[in-house]
Amino acid sequence: MRTWFIALFLVLVLAVAGQALAAEKSILFVNGANVDIKGIHLAPAGTTQWGPNLLTKWKLRDGRKIKIAVPHDQGDCQFDLKYVGPRKMAYIISGIDICKAVEIDLFLKGDQAWANVK
């Protein structure tokens, strides 16, 4: 009987830990693009399955920074990032490891977009 309770306890602990790993984490986004950013979207790397706009109620003005909770799944950390600037121009940065990222600095020069991931 005691073994059954221990097994049930371990199953519950693993279930809660699994949910915590699949939860959100916060990343600081810094706008160094010299344009206001109206949207930030993530998609699993190599796909076009863009998630919702992470800037749900505001835009990220040039030179500003904001901490955003991003969904992630342990073991599936590689994402492409799309940010939307003025006139709905979209810029894509591929292969960002959001599990390791704590800060993403976004840049733009002409039509070239890139990010420094820390």
PDB file of N, CA and C in Angstrom:
ATOM      1  N   MET A   1       0.825  -1.188   0.000  1.00  0.00           N
ATOM      2  CA  MET A   1       0.000   0.000   0.000  1.00  0.00           C
ATOM      3  C   MET A   1       0.874   1.258   0.000  1.00  0.00           C
ATOM      4  N   ARG A   2       1.917   1.236   0.803  1.00  0.00           N
ATOM      5  CA  ARG A   2       2.823   2.384   0.888  1.00  0.00           C
ATOM      6  C   ARG A   2       3.516   2.625  -0.456  1.00  0.00           C
ATOM      7  N   THR A   3       3.903   1.578  -1.158  1.00  0.00           N
ATOM      8  CA  THR A   3       4.540   1.693  -2.467  1.00  0.00           C
ATOM      9  C   THR A   3       3.601   2.366  -3.460  1.00  0.00           C
ATOM     10  N   TRP A   4       2.327   2.065  -3.386  1.00  0.00           N
ATOM     11  CA  TRP A   4       1.337   2.670  -4.279  1.00  0.00           C
ATOM     12  C   TRP A   4       1.277   4.185  -4.072  1.00  0.00           C
ATOM     13  N   PHE A   5       1.286   4.632  -2.803  1.00  0.00           N
ATOM     14  CA  PHE A   5       1.252   6.066  -2.516  1.00  0.00           C
ATOM     15  C   PHE A   5       2.518   6.766  -3.006  1.00  0.00           C
ATOM     16  N   ILE A   6       3.655   6.113  -2.845  1.00  0.00           N
ATOM     17  CA  ILE A   6       4.907   6.693  -3.329  1.00  0.00           C
ATOM     18  C   ILE A   6       4.888   6.829  -4.840  1.00  0.00           C
ATOM     19  N   ALA A   7       4.401   5.800  -5.521  1.00  0.00           N
ATOM     20  CA  ALA A   7       4.309   5.850  -6.991  1.00  0.00           C
ATOM     21  C   ALA A   7       3.362   6.959  -7.434  1.00  0.00           C
ATOM     22  N   LEU A   8       2.230   7.103  -6.781  1.00  0.00           N
ATOM     23  CA  LEU A   8       1.274   8.161  -7.118  1.00  0.00           C
ATOM     24  C   LEU A   8       1.897   9.538  -6.881  1.00  0.00           C
ATOM     25  N   PHE A   9       2.604   9.686  -5.783  1.00  0.00           N
ATOM     26  CA  PHE A   9       3.273  10.949  -5.480  1.00  0.00           C
ATOM     27  C   PHE A   9       4.285  11.308  -6.567  1.00  0.00           C
ATOM     28  N   LEU A  10       5.084  10.334  -6.988  1.00  0.00           N
ATOM     29  CA  LEU A  10       6.072  10.582  -8.036  1.00  0.00           C
ATOM     30  C   LEU A  10       5.415  10.967  -9.358  1.00  0.00           C
ATOM     31  N   VAL A  11       4.320  10.324  -9.699  1.00  0.00           N
ATOM     32  CA  VAL A  11       3.598  10.672 -10.925  1.00  0.00           C
ATOM     33  C   VAL A  11       3.102  12.109 -10.850  1.00  0.00           C
ATOM     34  N   LEU A  12       2.548  12.506  -9.726  1.00  0.00           N
ATOM     35  CA  LEU A  12       2.060  13.883  -9.565  1.00  0.00           C
ATOM     36  C   LEU A  12       3.200  14.888  -9.635  1.00  0.00           C
ATOM     37  N   VAL A  13       4.325  14.592  -9.010  1.00  0.00           N
ATOM     38  CA  VAL A  13       5.483  15.489  -9.060  1.00  0.00           C
ATOM     39  C   VAL A  13       5.974  15.649 -10.489  1.00  0.00           C
ATOM     40  N   LEU A  14       6.067  14.559 -11.224  1.00  0.00           N
ATOM     41  CA  LEU A  14       6.519  14.627 -12.621  1.00  0.00           C
ATOM     42  C   LEU A  14       5.531  15.385 -13.492  1.00  0.00           C
ATOM     43  N   ALA A  15       4.251  15.246 -13.239  1.00  0.00           N
ATOM     44  CA  ALA A  15       3.245  15.970 -14.020  1.00  0.00           C
ATOM     45  C   ALA A  15       3.367  17.472 -13.785  1.00  0.00           C
ATOM     46  N   VAL A  16       3.534  17.875 -12.542  1.00  0.00           N
ATOM     47  CA  VAL A  16       3.678  19.300 -12.233  1.00  0.00           C
ATOM     48  C   VAL A  16       4.980  19.833 -12.813  1.00  0.00           C
ATOM     49  N   ALA A  17       6.064  19.068 -12.714  1.00  0.00           N
ATOM     50  CA  ALA A  17       7.349  19.498 -13.276  1.00  0.00           C
ATOM     51  C   ALA A  17       7.251  19.635 -14.784  1.00  0.00           C
ATOM     52  N   GLY A  18       6.563  18.723 -15.442  1.00  0.00           N
ATOM     53  CA  GLY A  18       6.381  18.801 -16.896  1.00  0.00           C
ATOM     54  C   GLY A  18       5.628  20.045 -17.303  1.00  0.00           C
ATOM     55  N   GLN A  19       4.599  20.409 -16.535  1.00  0.00           N
ATOM     56  CA  GLN A  19       3.854  21.627 -16.835  1.00  0.00           C
ATOM     57  C   GLN A  19       4.725  22.852 -16.626  1.00  0.00           C
ATOM     58  N   ALA A  20       5.571  22.842 -15.624  1.00  0.00           N
ATOM     59  CA  ALA A  20       6.458  23.980 -15.372  1.00  0.00           C
ATOM     60  C   ALA A  20       7.443  24.152 -16.514  1.00  0.00           C
ATOM     61  N   LEU A  21       7.952  23.046 -17.050  1.00  0.00           N
ATOM     62  CA  LEU A  21       8.898  23.141 -18.163  1.00  0.00           C
ATOM     63  C   LEU A  21       8.230  23.672 -19.419  1.00  0.00           C
ATOM     64  N   ALA A  22       6.961  23.383 -19.604  1.00  0.00           N
ATOM     65  CA  ALA A  22       6.253  23.829 -20.792  1.00  0.00           C
ATOM     66  C   ALA A  22       5.650  25.215 -20.580  1.00  0.00           C
ATOM     67  N   ALA A  23       5.878  25.803 -19.435  1.00  0.00           N
ATOM     68  CA  ALA A  23       5.294  27.103 -19.111  1.00  0.00           C
ATOM     69  C   ALA A  23       6.014  28.214 -19.859  1.00  0.00           C
ATOM     70  N   GLU A  24       5.766  29.405 -19.418  1.00  0.00           N
ATOM     71  CA  GLU A  24       6.362  30.562 -20.069  1.00  0.00           C
ATOM     72  C   GLU A  24       7.630  30.970 -19.340  1.00  0.00           C
ATOM     73  N   LYS A  25       8.486  31.652 -20.078  1.00  0.00           N
ATOM     74  CA  LYS A  25       9.652  32.279 -19.476  1.00  0.00           C
ATOM     75  C   LYS A  25       9.700  33.701 -19.993  1.00  0.00           C
ATOM     76  N   SER A  26      10.358  34.569 -19.284  1.00  0.00           N
ATOM     77  CA  SER A  26      10.439  35.968 -19.697  1.00  0.00           C
ATOM     78  C   SER A  26      11.746  36.232 -20.419  1.00  0.00           C
ATOM     79  N   ILE A  27      11.635  36.980 -21.500  1.00  0.00           N
ATOM     80  CA  ILE A  27      12.805  37.416 -22.267  1.00  0.00           C
ATOM     81  C   ILE A  27      12.704  38.925 -22.414  1.00  0.00           C
ATOM     82  N   LEU A  28      13.823  39.608 -22.238  1.00  0.00           N
ATOM     83  CA  LEU A  28      13.883  41.051 -22.436  1.00  0.00           C
ATOM     84  C   LEU A  28      14.133  41.324 -23.918  1.00  0.00           C
ATOM     85  N   PHE A  29      13.209  42.014 -24.568  1.00  0.00           N
ATOM     86  CA  PHE A  29      13.354  42.415 -25.964  1.00  0.00           C
ATOM     87  C   PHE A  29      13.782  43.874 -25.990  1.00  0.00           C
ATOM     88  N   VAL A  30      14.846  44.170 -26.743  1.00  0.00           N
ATOM     89  CA  VAL A  30      15.385  45.523 -26.846  1.00  0.00           C
ATOM     90  C   VAL A  30      15.256  45.958 -28.304  1.00  0.00           C
ATOM     91  N   ASN A  31      14.643  47.111 -28.529  1.00  0.00           N
ATOM     92  CA  ASN A  31      14.447  47.615 -29.890  1.00  0.00           C
ATOM     93  C   ASN A  31      15.600  48.533 -30.273  1.00  0.00           C
ATOM     94  N   GLY A  32      16.512  48.008 -31.079  1.00  0.00           N
ATOM     95  CA  GLY A  32      17.605  48.792 -31.635  1.00  0.00           C
ATOM     96  C   GLY A  32      17.449  48.929 -33.138  1.00  0.00           C
ATOM     97  N   ALA A  33      16.213  48.783 -33.630  1.00  0.00           N
ATOM     98  CA  ALA A  33      15.945  48.724 -35.070  1.00  0.00           C
ATOM     99  C   ALA A  33      15.730  50.101 -35.707  1.00  0.00           C
ATOM    100  N   ASN A  34      15.700  51.141 -34.909  1.00  0.00           N
ATOM    101  CA  ASN A  34      15.448  52.503 -35.405  1.00  0.00           C
ATOM    102  C   ASN A  34      14.064  52.668 -36.011  1.00  0.00           C
ATOM    103  N   VAL A  35      13.145  51.768 -35.706  1.00  0.00           N
ATOM    104  CA  VAL A  35      11.729  51.886 -36.083  1.00  0.00           C
ATOM    105  C   VAL A  35      10.908  51.355 -34.915  1.00  0.00           C
ATOM    106  N   ASP A  36       9.654  51.801 -34.812  1.00  0.00           N
ATOM    107  CA  ASP A  36       8.766  51.231 -33.813  1.00  0.00           C
ATOM    108  C   ASP A  36       8.344  49.835 -34.262  1.00  0.00           C
ATOM    109  N   ILE A  37       8.332  48.906 -33.337  1.00  0.00           N
ATOM    110  CA  ILE A  37       7.939  47.527 -33.632  1.00  0.00           C
ATOM    111  C   ILE A  37       6.507  47.331 -33.148  1.00  0.00           C
ATOM    112  N   LYS A  38       5.648  46.893 -34.070  1.00  0.00           N
ATOM    113  CA  LYS A  38       4.230  46.738 -33.750  1.00  0.00           C
ATOM    114  C   LYS A  38       3.847  45.299 -33.426  1.00  0.00           C
ATOM    115  N   GLY A  39       4.723  44.351 -33.751  1.00  0.00           N
ATOM    116  CA  GLY A  39       4.415  42.954 -33.475  1.00  0.00           C
ATOM    117  C   GLY A  39       5.667  42.108 -33.379  1.00  0.00           C
ATOM    118  N   ILE A  40       5.644  41.146 -32.478  1.00  0.00           N
ATOM    119  CA  ILE A  40       6.695  40.144 -32.359  1.00  0.00           C
ATOM    120  C   ILE A  40       6.009  38.788 -32.325  1.00  0.00           C
ATOM    121  N   HIS A  41       6.406  37.906 -33.244  1.00  0.00           N
ATOM    122  CA  HIS A  41       5.795  36.585 -33.357  1.00  0.00           C
ATOM    123  C   HIS A  41       6.892  35.522 -33.359  1.00  0.00           C
ATOM    124  N   LEU A  42       6.583  34.346 -32.826  1.00  0.00           N
ATOM    125  CA  LEU A  42       7.499  33.212 -32.841  1.00  0.00           C
ATOM    126  C   LEU A  42       6.869  32.055 -33.604  1.00  0.00           C
ATOM    127  N   ALA A  43       7.716  31.270 -34.277  1.00  0.00           N
ATOM    128  CA  ALA A  43       7.283  30.048 -34.960  1.00  0.00           C
ATOM    129  C   ALA A  43       8.366  28.999 -34.753  1.00  0.00           C
ATOM    130  N   PRO A  44       7.986  27.735 -34.624  1.00  0.00           N
ATOM    131  CA  PRO A  44       9.025  26.699 -34.574  1.00  0.00           C
ATOM    132  C   PRO A  44       9.951  26.863 -35.776  1.00  0.00           C
ATOM    133  N   ALA A  45      11.249  26.732 -35.547  1.00  0.00           N
ATOM    134  CA  ALA A  45      12.244  26.982 -36.600  1.00  0.00           C
ATOM    135  C   ALA A  45      11.905  26.220 -37.873  1.00  0.00           C
ATOM    136  N   GLY A  46      11.993  26.934 -38.996  1.00  0.00           N
ATOM    137  CA  GLY A  46      11.774  26.327 -40.299  1.00  0.00           C
ATOM    138  C   GLY A  46      10.323  26.198 -40.710  1.00  0.00           C
ATOM    139  N   THR A  47       9.404  26.714 -39.896  1.00  0.00           N
ATOM    140  CA  THR A  47       7.980  26.650 -40.246  1.00  0.00           C
ATOM    141  C   THR A  47       7.455  28.064 -40.457  1.00  0.00           C
ATOM    142  N   THR A  48       6.214  28.158 -40.851  1.00  0.00           N
ATOM    143  CA  THR A  48       5.550  29.462 -40.947  1.00  0.00           C
ATOM    144  C   THR A  48       4.325  29.481 -40.036  1.00  0.00           C
ATOM    145  N   GLN A  49       4.391  28.712 -38.967  1.00  0.00           N
ATOM    146  CA  GLN A  49       3.286  28.627 -38.014  1.00  0.00           C
ATOM    147  C   GLN A  49       3.465  29.700 -36.939  1.00  0.00           C
ATOM    148  N   TRP A  50       3.300  30.957 -37.350  1.00  0.00           N
ATOM    149  CA  TRP A  50       3.544  32.078 -36.445  1.00  0.00           C
ATOM    150  C   TRP A  50       2.522  32.105 -35.322  1.00  0.00           C
ATOM    151  N   GLY A  51       3.020  32.275 -34.124  1.00  0.00           N
ATOM    152  CA  GLY A  51       2.152  32.401 -32.965  1.00  0.00           C
ATOM    153  C   GLY A  51       1.565  33.801 -32.895  1.00  0.00           C
ATOM    154  N   PRO A  52       0.784  34.051 -31.861  1.00  0.00           N
ATOM    155  CA  PRO A  52       0.146  35.366 -31.716  1.00  0.00           C
ATOM    156  C   PRO A  52       1.169  36.464 -31.462  1.00  0.00           C
ATOM    157  N   ASN A  53       0.737  37.687 -31.685  1.00  0.00           N
ATOM    158  CA  ASN A  53       1.580  38.849 -31.419  1.00  0.00           C
ATOM    159  C   ASN A  53       1.873  38.915 -29.920  1.00  0.00           C
ATOM    160  N   LEU A  54       3.148  38.873 -29.554  1.00  0.00           N
ATOM    161  CA  LEU A  54       3.529  38.952 -28.152  1.00  0.00           C
ATOM    162  C   LEU A  54       3.406  40.368 -27.597  1.00  0.00           C
ATOM    163  N   LEU A  55       3.299  41.345 -28.486  1.00  0.00           N
ATOM    164  CA  LEU A  55       3.048  42.735 -28.071  1.00  0.00           C
ATOM    165  C   LEU A  55       1.546  42.982 -28.178  1.00  0.00           C
ATOM    166  N   THR A  56       0.780  42.373 -27.337  1.00  0.00           N
ATOM    167  CA  THR A  56      -0.672  42.355 -27.504  1.00  0.00           C
ATOM    168  C   THR A  56      -1.337  43.725 -27.376  1.00  0.00           C
ATOM    169  N   LYS A  57      -0.861  44.575 -26.503  1.00  0.00           N
ATOM    170  CA  LYS A  57      -1.574  45.834 -26.243  1.00  0.00           C
ATOM    171  C   LYS A  57      -0.747  47.083 -26.520  1.00  0.00           C
ATOM    172  N   TRP A  58       0.443  46.932 -26.991  1.00  0.00           N
ATOM    173  CA  TRP A  58       1.306  48.096 -27.168  1.00  0.00           C
ATOM    174  C   TRP A  58       2.287  47.845 -28.293  1.00  0.00           C
ATOM    175  N   LYS A  59       3.081  48.850 -28.607  1.00  0.00           N
ATOM    176  CA  LYS A  59       4.184  48.653 -29.547  1.00  0.00           C
ATOM    177  C   LYS A  59       5.475  48.956 -28.819  1.00  0.00           C
ATOM    178  N   LEU A  60       6.546  48.421 -29.356  1.00  0.00           N
ATOM    179  CA  LEU A  60       7.862  48.619 -28.755  1.00  0.00           C
ATOM    180  C   LEU A  60       8.547  49.746 -29.505  1.00  0.00           C
ATOM    181  N   ARG A  61       8.572  50.900 -28.888  1.00  0.00           N
ATOM    182  CA  ARG A  61       9.156  52.078 -29.532  1.00  0.00           C
ATOM    183  C   ARG A  61      10.667  51.931 -29.677  1.00  0.00           C
ATOM    184  N   ASP A  62      11.203  52.626 -30.659  1.00  0.00           N
ATOM    185  CA  ASP A  62      12.637  52.608 -30.921  1.00  0.00           C
ATOM    186  C   ASP A  62      13.409  52.988 -29.663  1.00  0.00           C
ATOM    187  N   GLY A  63      14.427  52.203 -29.352  1.00  0.00           N
ATOM    188  CA  GLY A  63      15.276  52.476 -28.201  1.00  0.00           C
ATOM    189  C   GLY A  63      14.736  51.977 -26.875  1.00  0.00           C
ATOM    190  N   ARG A  64      13.546  51.430 -26.879  1.00  0.00           N
ATOM    191  CA  ARG A  64      12.943  50.940 -25.635  1.00  0.00           C
ATOM    192  C   ARG A  64      13.138  49.440 -25.488  1.00  0.00           C
ATOM    193  N   LYS A  65      12.842  48.955 -24.295  1.00  0.00           N
ATOM    194  CA  LYS A  65      12.915  47.523 -24.037  1.00  0.00           C
ATOM    195  C   LYS A  65      11.713  47.099 -23.212  1.00  0.00           C
ATOM    196  N   ILE A  66      11.387  45.817 -23.341  1.00  0.00           N
ATOM    197  CA  ILE A  66      10.247  45.276 -22.614  1.00  0.00           C
ATOM    198  C   ILE A  66      10.483  43.801 -22.325  1.00  0.00           C
ATOM    199  N   LYS A  67      10.074  43.373 -21.157  1.00  0.00           N
ATOM    200  CA  LYS A  67      10.175  41.960 -20.795  1.00  0.00           C
ATOM    201  C   LYS A  67       8.853  41.303 -21.164  1.00  0.00           C
ATOM    202  N   ILE A  68       8.948  40.210 -21.938  1.00  0.00           N
ATOM    203  CA  ILE A  68       7.752  39.525 -22.435  1.00  0.00           C
ATOM    204  C   ILE A  68       7.829  38.052 -22.057  1.00  0.00           C
ATOM    205  N   ALA A  69       6.716  37.521 -21.566  1.00  0.00           N
ATOM    206  CA  ALA A  69       6.614  36.083 -21.307  1.00  0.00           C
ATOM    207  C   ALA A  69       6.392  35.382 -22.636  1.00  0.00           C
ATOM    208  N   VAL A  70       7.264  34.436 -22.952  1.00  0.00           N
ATOM    209  CA  VAL A  70       7.152  33.692 -24.211  1.00  0.00           C
ATOM    210  C   VAL A  70       6.899  32.218 -23.901  1.00  0.00           C
ATOM    211  N   PRO A  71       5.989  31.589 -24.640  1.00  0.00           N
ATOM    212  CA  PRO A  71       5.771  30.161 -24.418  1.00  0.00           C
ATOM    213  C   PRO A  71       6.950  29.371 -24.950  1.00  0.00           C
ATOM    214  N   HIS A  72       7.309  28.331 -24.256  1.00  0.00           N
ATOM    215  CA  HIS A  72       8.381  27.467 -24.752  1.00  0.00           C
ATOM    216  C   HIS A  72       8.190  26.069 -24.197  1.00  0.00           C
ATOM    217  N   ASP A  73       8.804  25.127 -24.852  1.00  0.00           N
ATOM    218  CA  ASP A  73       8.732  23.734 -24.459  1.00  0.00           C
ATOM    219  C   ASP A  73      10.154  23.215 -24.350  1.00  0.00           C
ATOM    220  N   GLN A  74      10.516  22.675 -23.231  1.00  0.00           N
ATOM    221  CA  GLN A  74      11.866  22.142 -23.060  1.00  0.00           C
ATOM    222  C   GLN A  74      12.131  21.094 -24.139  1.00  0.00           C
ATOM    223  N   GLY A  75      13.249  21.207 -24.803  1.00  0.00           N
ATOM    224  CA  GLY A  75      13.582  20.263 -25.851  1.00  0.00           C
ATOM    225  C   GLY A  75      13.170  20.745 -27.231  1.00  0.00           C
ATOM    226  N   ASP A  76      12.328  21.751 -27.307  1.00  0.00           N
ATOM    227  CA  ASP A  76      11.908  22.333 -28.583  1.00  0.00           C
ATOM    228  C   ASP A  76      12.166  23.831 -28.478  1.00  0.00           C
ATOM    229  N   CYS A  77      13.438  24.203 -28.506  1.00  0.00           N
ATOM    230  CA  CYS A  77      13.839  25.570 -28.179  1.00  0.00           C
ATOM    231  C   CYS A  77      14.141  26.444 -29.390  1.00  0.00           C
ATOM    232  N   GLN A  78      14.320  25.857 -30.561  1.00  0.00           N
ATOM    233  CA  GLN A  78      14.698  26.625 -31.741  1.00  0.00           C
ATOM    234  C   GLN A  78      13.456  27.257 -32.387  1.00  0.00           C
ATOM    235  N   PHE A  79      13.450  28.577 -32.442  1.00  0.00           N
ATOM    236  CA  PHE A  79      12.334  29.319 -33.017  1.00  0.00           C
ATOM    237  C   PHE A  79      12.840  30.347 -34.009  1.00  0.00           C
ATOM    238  N   ASP A  80      11.999  30.667 -34.962  1.00  0.00           N
ATOM    239  CA  ASP A  80      12.213  31.817 -35.826  1.00  0.00           C
ATOM    240  C   ASP A  80      11.404  32.954 -35.231  1.00  0.00           C
ATOM    241  N   LEU A  81      11.929  34.160 -35.355  1.00  0.00           N
ATOM    242  CA  LEU A  81      11.276  35.339 -34.806  1.00  0.00           C
ATOM    243  C   LEU A  81      10.928  36.276 -35.958  1.00  0.00           C
ATOM    244  N   LYS A  82       9.719  36.777 -35.938  1.00  0.00           N
ATOM    245  CA  LYS A  82       9.297  37.769 -36.930  1.00  0.00           C
ATOM    246  C   LYS A  82       8.865  39.010 -36.172  1.00  0.00           C
ATOM    247  N   TYR A  83       9.424  40.151 -36.575  1.00  0.00           N
ATOM    248  CA  TYR A  83       8.905  41.386 -35.996  1.00  0.00           C
ATOM    249  C   TYR A  83       8.378  42.283 -37.096  1.00  0.00           C
ATOM    250  N   VAL A  84       7.345  43.030 -36.746  1.00  0.00           N
ATOM    251  CA  VAL A  84       6.615  43.839 -37.714  1.00  0.00           C
ATOM    252  C   VAL A  84       6.851  45.307 -37.393  1.00  0.00           C
ATOM    253  N   GLY A  85       7.305  46.027 -38.398  1.00  0.00           N
ATOM    254  CA  GLY A  85       7.577  47.453 -38.255  1.00  0.00           C
ATOM    255  C   GLY A  85       6.508  48.293 -38.921  1.00  0.00           C
ATOM    256  N   PRO A  86       6.856  49.521 -39.282  1.00  0.00           N
ATOM    257  CA  PRO A  86       5.896  50.412 -39.927  1.00  0.00           C
ATOM    258  C   PRO A  86       5.441  49.854 -41.282  1.00  0.00           C
ATOM    259  N   ARG A  87       4.280  50.254 -41.692  1.00  0.00           N
ATOM    260  CA  ARG A  87       3.688  49.829 -42.965  1.00  0.00           C
ATOM    261  C   ARG A  87       3.633  48.313 -43.087  1.00  0.00           C
ATOM    262  N   LYS A  88       3.514  47.636 -41.929  1.00  0.00           N
ATOM    263  CA  LYS A  88       3.382  46.178 -41.868  1.00  0.00           C
ATOM    264  C   LYS A  88       4.543  45.428 -42.512  1.00  0.00           C
ATOM    265  N   MET A  89       5.716  46.066 -42.575  1.00  0.00           N
ATOM    266  CA  MET A  89       6.915  45.390 -43.074  1.00  0.00           C
ATOM    267  C   MET A  89       7.339  44.355 -42.022  1.00  0.00           C
ATOM    268  N   ALA A  90       7.562  43.111 -42.461  1.00  0.00           N
ATOM    269  CA  ALA A  90       7.938  42.037 -41.546  1.00  0.00           C
ATOM    270  C   ALA A  90       9.388  41.640 -41.781  1.00  0.00           C
ATOM    271  N   TYR A  91      10.084  41.385 -40.696  1.00  0.00           N
ATOM    272  CA  TYR A  91      11.490  40.999 -40.737  1.00  0.00           C
ATOM    273  C   TYR A  91      11.646  39.709 -39.956  1.00  0.00           C
ATOM    274  N   ILE A  92      12.333  38.738 -40.531  1.00  0.00           N
ATOM    275  CA  ILE A  92      12.456  37.413 -39.918  1.00  0.00           C
ATOM    276  C   ILE A  92      13.913  37.138 -39.536  1.00  0.00           C
ATOM    277  N   ILE A  93      14.082  36.634 -38.332  1.00  0.00           N
ATOM    278  CA  ILE A  93      15.382  36.215 -37.824  1.00  0.00           C
ATOM    279  C   ILE A  93      15.239  34.738 -37.473  1.00  0.00           C
ATOM    280  N   SER A  94      16.072  33.913 -38.075  1.00  0.00           N
ATOM    281  CA  SER A  94      15.931  32.463 -37.940  1.00  0.00           C
ATOM    282  C   SER A  94      16.817  31.880 -36.854  1.00  0.00           C
ATOM    283  N   GLY A  95      16.334  30.787 -36.273  1.00  0.00           N
ATOM    284  CA  GLY A  95      17.143  29.959 -35.390  1.00  0.00           C
ATOM    285  C   GLY A  95      17.534  30.561 -34.066  1.00  0.00           C
ATOM    286  N   ILE A  96      16.577  31.078 -33.325  1.00  0.00           N
ATOM    287  CA  ILE A  96      16.860  31.625 -31.998  1.00  0.00           C
ATOM    288  C   ILE A  96      16.515  30.565 -30.958  1.00  0.00           C
ATOM    289  N   ASP A  97      17.450  30.307 -30.053  1.00  0.00           N
ATOM    290  CA  ASP A  97      17.220  29.354 -28.970  1.00  0.00           C
ATOM    291  C   ASP A  97      16.590  30.112 -27.809  1.00  0.00           C
ATOM    292  N   ILE A  98      15.263  30.045 -27.713  1.00  0.00           N
ATOM    293  CA  ILE A  98      14.602  30.828 -26.669  1.00  0.00           C
ATOM    294  C   ILE A  98      14.744  30.212 -25.283  1.00  0.00           C
ATOM    295  N   CYS A  99      15.151  28.954 -25.209  1.00  0.00           N
ATOM    296  CA  CYS A  99      15.371  28.346 -23.892  1.00  0.00           C
ATOM    297  C   CYS A  99      16.599  28.953 -23.214  1.00  0.00           C
ATOM    298  N   LYS A 100      17.594  29.321 -23.995  1.00  0.00           N
ATOM    299  CA  LYS A 100      18.822  29.914 -23.442  1.00  0.00           C
ATOM    300  C   LYS A 100      18.757  31.434 -23.393  1.00  0.00           C
ATOM    301  N   ALA A 101      17.902  32.043 -24.213  1.00  0.00           N
ATOM    302  CA  ALA A 101      17.867  33.505 -24.328  1.00  0.00           C
ATOM    303  C   ALA A 101      17.281  34.153 -23.079  1.00  0.00           C
ATOM    304  N   VAL A 102      17.936  35.206 -22.626  1.00  0.00           N
ATOM    305  CA  VAL A 102      17.389  36.050 -21.568  1.00  0.00           C
ATOM    306  C   VAL A 102      17.158  37.471 -22.094  1.00  0.00           C
ATOM    307  N   GLU A 103      17.854  37.806 -23.199  1.00  0.00           N
ATOM    308  CA  GLU A 103      17.688  39.118 -23.829  1.00  0.00           C
ATOM    309  C   GLU A 103      17.875  38.956 -25.335  1.00  0.00           C
ATOM    310  N   ILE A 104      16.996  39.613 -26.094  1.00  0.00           N
ATOM    311  CA  ILE A 104      17.102  39.615 -27.552  1.00  0.00           C
ATOM    312  C   ILE A 104      17.078  41.064 -28.010  1.00  0.00           C
ATOM    313  N   ASP A 105      18.202  41.520 -28.564  1.00  0.00           N
ATOM    314  CA  ASP A 105      18.306  42.873 -29.101  1.00  0.00           C
ATOM    315  C   ASP A 105      18.021  42.801 -30.596  1.00  0.00           C
ATOM    316  N   LEU A 106      17.019  43.550 -31.054  1.00  0.00           N
ATOM    317  CA  LEU A 106      16.600  43.530 -32.456  1.00  0.00           C
ATOM    318  C   LEU A 106      17.192  44.715 -33.197  1.00  0.00           C
ATOM    319  N   PHE A 107      17.715  44.446 -34.397  1.00  0.00           N
ATOM    320  CA  PHE A 107      18.344  45.483 -35.201  1.00  0.00           C
ATOM    321  C   PHE A 107      17.830  45.428 -36.633  1.00  0.00           C
ATOM    322  N   LEU A 108      17.951  46.565 -37.325  1.00  0.00           N
ATOM    323  CA  LEU A 108      17.527  46.656 -38.721  1.00  0.00           C
ATOM    324  C   LEU A 108      18.368  47.719 -39.407  1.00  0.00           C
ATOM    325  N   LYS A 109      18.893  47.358 -40.581  1.00  0.00           N
ATOM    326  CA  LYS A 109      19.602  48.326 -41.414  1.00  0.00           C
ATOM    327  C   LYS A 109      19.179  48.042 -42.849  1.00  0.00           C
ATOM    328  N   GLY A 110      18.459  48.981 -43.454  1.00  0.00           N
ATOM    329  CA  GLY A 110      17.882  48.739 -44.772  1.00  0.00           C
ATOM    330  C   GLY A 110      16.853  47.635 -44.661  1.00  0.00           C
ATOM    331  N   ASP A 111      17.033  46.574 -45.434  1.00  0.00           N
ATOM    332  CA  ASP A 111      16.132  45.424 -45.358  1.00  0.00           C
ATOM    333  C   ASP A 111      16.740  44.270 -44.567  1.00  0.00           C
ATOM    334  N   GLN A 112      17.908  44.478 -43.969  1.00  0.00           N
ATOM    335  CA  GLN A 112      18.596  43.424 -43.223  1.00  0.00           C
ATOM    336  C   GLN A 112      18.246  43.509 -41.743  1.00  0.00           C
ATOM    337  N   ALA A 113      17.643  42.445 -41.231  1.00  0.00           N
ATOM    338  CA  ALA A 113      17.305  42.367 -39.821  1.00  0.00           C
ATOM    339  C   ALA A 113      18.188  41.324 -39.145  1.00  0.00           C
ATOM    340  N   TRP A 114      18.579  41.580 -37.922  1.00  0.00           N
ATOM    341  CA  TRP A 114      19.333  40.606 -37.156  1.00  0.00           C
ATOM    342  C   TRP A 114      19.077  40.853 -35.677  1.00  0.00           C
ATOM    343  N   ALA A 115      19.550  39.899 -34.886  1.00  0.00           N
ATOM    344  CA  ALA A 115      19.371  39.998 -33.428  1.00  0.00           C
ATOM    345  C   ALA A 115      20.631  39.545 -32.734  1.00  0.00           C
ATOM    346  N   ASN A 116      20.914  40.179 -31.622  1.00  0.00           N
ATOM    347  CA  ASN A 116      21.938  39.704 -30.693  1.00  0.00           C
ATOM    348  C   ASN A 116      21.188  38.998 -29.560  1.00  0.00           C
ATOM    349  N   VAL A 117      21.485  37.747 -29.381  1.00  0.00           N
ATOM    350  CA  VAL A 117      20.806  36.954 -28.358  1.00  0.00           C
ATOM    351  C   VAL A 117      21.769  36.715 -27.216  1.00  0.00           C
ATOM    352  N   LYS A 118      21.348  37.090 -26.046  1.00  0.00           N
ATOM    353  CA  LYS A 118      22.196  36.935 -24.847  1.00  0.00           C
ATOM    354  C   LYS A 118      21.527  35.956 -23.896  1.00  0.00           C
TER     355      LYS A 118
END
